[in-house]
């Protein structure tokens, strides 16, 4: 409708222009007396035709310029819509994964002697059993002398062998007492994979991380951390989770220095910096360094811990 109105307006303007020009010529020169004078009048209109032709060309140039701006504006709008669509898809899928995770978590169950645990209680029970086993069979901290030498980067003698043995004890306690929830772990893996890998361009992923972390409790985070310390089959998941729930910057749960060192050794991920590298879990060479001296080394670090308690 607007195009038709503009066309009528332009046609009317051009027609009126011709009429006014004709009236001015007739007023100035009078009505032609013969055919020869009509030729002069035609030449005068030729000048007017040239003028309008120039205006028409200028109009075409202006129209092309306006159309170019409109096309650019449309492209920008389409790009913004595409980004918005990607963000909506990312967030909607993230919420669906969270719902799926909650559903799978609610179906978790664990039979422990005479008690039965379900949902988060099952994970809580598993984590507490691991922590109790570590307290009974190992230690939750390095002896003070070793901690001091770690801080000063001055490990001596059998310090490294003692550290490796303590870490191995933790790994053994975790592996023997972790109640395996395969479906839940796989679902969490998919959730964190989408969280970290499917991020749209120019999207602040920290908001999505905060959302996911707000849905997980202390014991859930601790459970997944222990799952990563029990085996290396979830190397990819460990990398994803290290950027959020495992990161010391986020402080989602309290991890011991021993477990943190064990995780960083196994996955070559610095939890303070979220830097991921690639390497094996426990090397046989490391294990062999303390395997034949286990009793002596355990007695030594127990003595060191007892000395710490007395001082």
Foldseek 3Di string as FASTA:
>chain_A
DVVVVVVVVVVVVVVVVVVVVVVVCCVVPNDDPDPVVVVVVVVVVVVVVVVVVVVVVVVVVVVVVVVVVVVVVVVVVVVVVVLVVLVVVLVVVLVVLLVVLQVLLQQDWDDDPPDIDGRVRVLVVLLVQLVVQCVVFADLAFQPVLVVCVVVVNDDDCSLLLLLLRLVSSLVSLQVRQDDDPVSLVSLLVSLCSLPPSDGPPDDSVVVLVVVLVSDAQSRLSSNLSVCSNDVPVLVSLLSCLVHSVAVVNCRYDGGPSSQVQNCQAFVANSPVSDGDDDHHDDVVSCVVCVVPVVVSRVVRVVSNVVVVVD
